[in-house]
């Protein structure tokens, strides 16, 4: 949850996936935590729309994808194996395909 809150301030941290992960663990942990979490401004601002509509804003999609690209670029640069590099490029391609064709884009507020 703390990393998700930092993601609101820091543009490199993906807020939505981290808060979704926090929600998952809160729900599994306690019904009281689930009620509390769903009442927070962070949930209402960043996750409620995605959970309800299964859609993200373009800014959310781009932020998540760029952060993932940086993380994927590290092994791509470090490793010298052609097959692993091709696999990583395939992951990047599929990631963009999925985000921009399977997840609806909702307008920013």
Protein backbone atom coordinates (compact mmCIF):
# COMPACT_ATOMS: atom_id res chain seq x y z
CA UNK A 1 0.00 0.00 0.00
CA UNK A 2 2.89 2.32 0.82
CA UNK A 3 4.48 1.80 -2.59
CA UNK A 4 1.13 2.50 -4.22
CA UNK A 5 0.86 5.76 -2.28
CA UNK A 6 4.38 6.69 -3.34
CA UNK A 7 3.34 6.02 -6.93
CA UNK A 8 0.86 8.89 -6.67
CA UNK A 9 3.80 11.25 -6.11
CA UNK A 10 6.59 9.55 -8.07
CA UNK A 11 5.84 9.12 -11.77
CA UNK A 12 7.99 5.99 -12.16
CA UNK A 13 6.04 3.83 -9.71
CA UNK A 14 2.90 2.26 -11.16
CA UNK A 15 0.17 3.27 -8.72
CA UNK A 16 -2.74 1.22 -10.01
CA UNK A 17 -1.14 -2.26 -10.03
CA UNK A 18 0.43 -1.76 -6.62
CA UNK A 19 -2.87 -0.61 -5.12
CA UNK A 20 -4.68 -3.53 -6.77
CA UNK A 21 -2.16 -5.88 -5.20
CA UNK A 22 -2.69 -4.21 -1.82
CA UNK A 23 -6.44 -4.57 -2.25
CA UNK A 24 -6.06 -8.26 -3.04
CA UNK A 25 -4.11 -8.87 0.17
CA UNK A 26 -6.43 -6.67 2.23
CA UNK A 27 -9.46 -8.59 0.97
CA UNK A 28 -7.81 -11.90 1.77
CA UNK A 29 -6.76 -10.66 5.19
CA UNK A 30 -9.88 -9.11 6.63
CA UNK A 31 -13.29 -7.83 5.66
CA UNK A 32 -12.69 -4.80 7.88
CA UNK A 33 -9.53 -3.93 5.91
CA UNK A 34 -11.44 -4.28 2.65
CA UNK A 35 -14.11 -1.83 3.83
CA UNK A 36 -11.45 0.60 5.08
CA UNK A 37 -9.38 0.39 1.92
CA UNK A 38 -12.35 0.97 -0.36
CA UNK A 39 -13.16 4.15 1.56
CA UNK A 40 -9.69 5.68 1.09
CA UNK A 41 -9.15 8.50 -1.38
CA UNK A 42 -6.37 6.47 -3.05
CA UNK A 43 -8.77 3.66 -3.90
CA UNK A 44 -11.48 6.00 -5.07
CA UNK A 45 -9.10 8.03 -7.23
CA UNK A 46 -6.94 5.31 -8.79
CA UNK A 47 -8.68 1.95 -8.54
CA UNK A 48 -12.43 2.31 -8.26
CA UNK A 49 -12.83 3.11 -11.96
CA UNK A 50 -10.66 0.19 -13.04
CA UNK A 51 -12.40 -2.28 -10.75
CA UNK A 52 -15.85 -1.04 -11.76
CA UNK A 53 -15.35 -0.41 -15.50
CA UNK A 54 -12.32 -2.60 -16.29
CA UNK A 55 -10.81 0.49 -17.94
CA UNK A 56 -7.80 2.78 -17.42
CA UNK A 57 -6.89 6.24 -18.54
CA UNK A 58 -4.29 6.61 -21.27
CA UNK A 59 -1.91 8.16 -18.74
CA UNK A 60 -2.25 5.11 -16.45
CA UNK A 61 -1.58 2.74 -19.32
CA UNK A 62 1.47 4.65 -20.51
CA UNK A 63 2.89 4.96 -16.98
CA UNK A 64 2.53 1.26 -16.28
CA UNK A 65 4.00 0.26 -19.64
CA UNK A 66 6.98 2.60 -19.41
CA UNK A 67 7.81 1.39 -15.92
CA UNK A 68 7.61 -2.22 -17.11
CA UNK A 69 9.78 -1.36 -20.13
CA UNK A 70 12.51 0.00 -17.88
CA UNK A 71 12.41 -3.18 -15.79
CA UNK A 72 12.53 -5.36 -18.91
CA UNK A 73 15.35 -3.29 -20.42
CA UNK A 74 17.68 -4.14 -17.53
CA UNK A 75 18.00 -7.87 -18.32
CA UNK A 76 17.83 -7.08 -22.03
CA UNK A 77 20.98 -4.96 -21.70
CA UNK A 78 22.78 -7.17 -19.19
CA UNK A 79 22.19 -10.56 -20.81
CA UNK A 80 23.91 -11.56 -24.01
CA UNK A 81 21.59 -14.38 -25.04
CA UNK A 82 19.71 -13.89 -28.31
CA UNK A 83 16.79 -16.14 -27.30
CA UNK A 84 16.23 -14.35 -24.02
CA UNK A 85 16.35 -10.99 -25.80
CA UNK A 86 13.80 -12.20 -28.34
CA UNK A 87 11.61 -13.49 -25.53
CA UNK A 88 11.81 -10.12 -23.76
CA UNK A 89 10.90 -8.30 -26.97
CA UNK A 90 7.93 -10.64 -27.32
CA UNK A 91 6.84 -9.86 -23.76
CA UNK A 92 7.06 -6.13 -24.47
CA UNK A 93 5.08 -6.50 -27.68
CA UNK A 94 2.37 -8.60 -26.04
CA UNK A 95 2.19 -6.21 -23.09
CA UNK A 96 1.44 -3.27 -25.39
CA UNK A 97 -1.00 -5.35 -27.43
CA UNK A 98 -2.87 -6.40 -24.30
CA UNK A 99 -2.99 -2.96 -22.67
CA UNK A 100 -4.12 -1.11 -25.77
CA UNK A 101 -6.53 -3.69 -27.24
CA UNK A 102 -7.93 -5.65 -24.28
CA UNK A 103 -8.20 -2.95 -21.58
CA UNK A 104 -10.61 -0.17 -22.44
CA UNK A 105 -9.32 3.39 -22.35
CA UNK A 106 -11.49 5.80 -20.44
CA UNK A 107 -11.21 9.57 -20.71
CA UNK A 108 -9.24 11.49 -18.07
CA UNK A 109 -11.24 13.51 -15.61
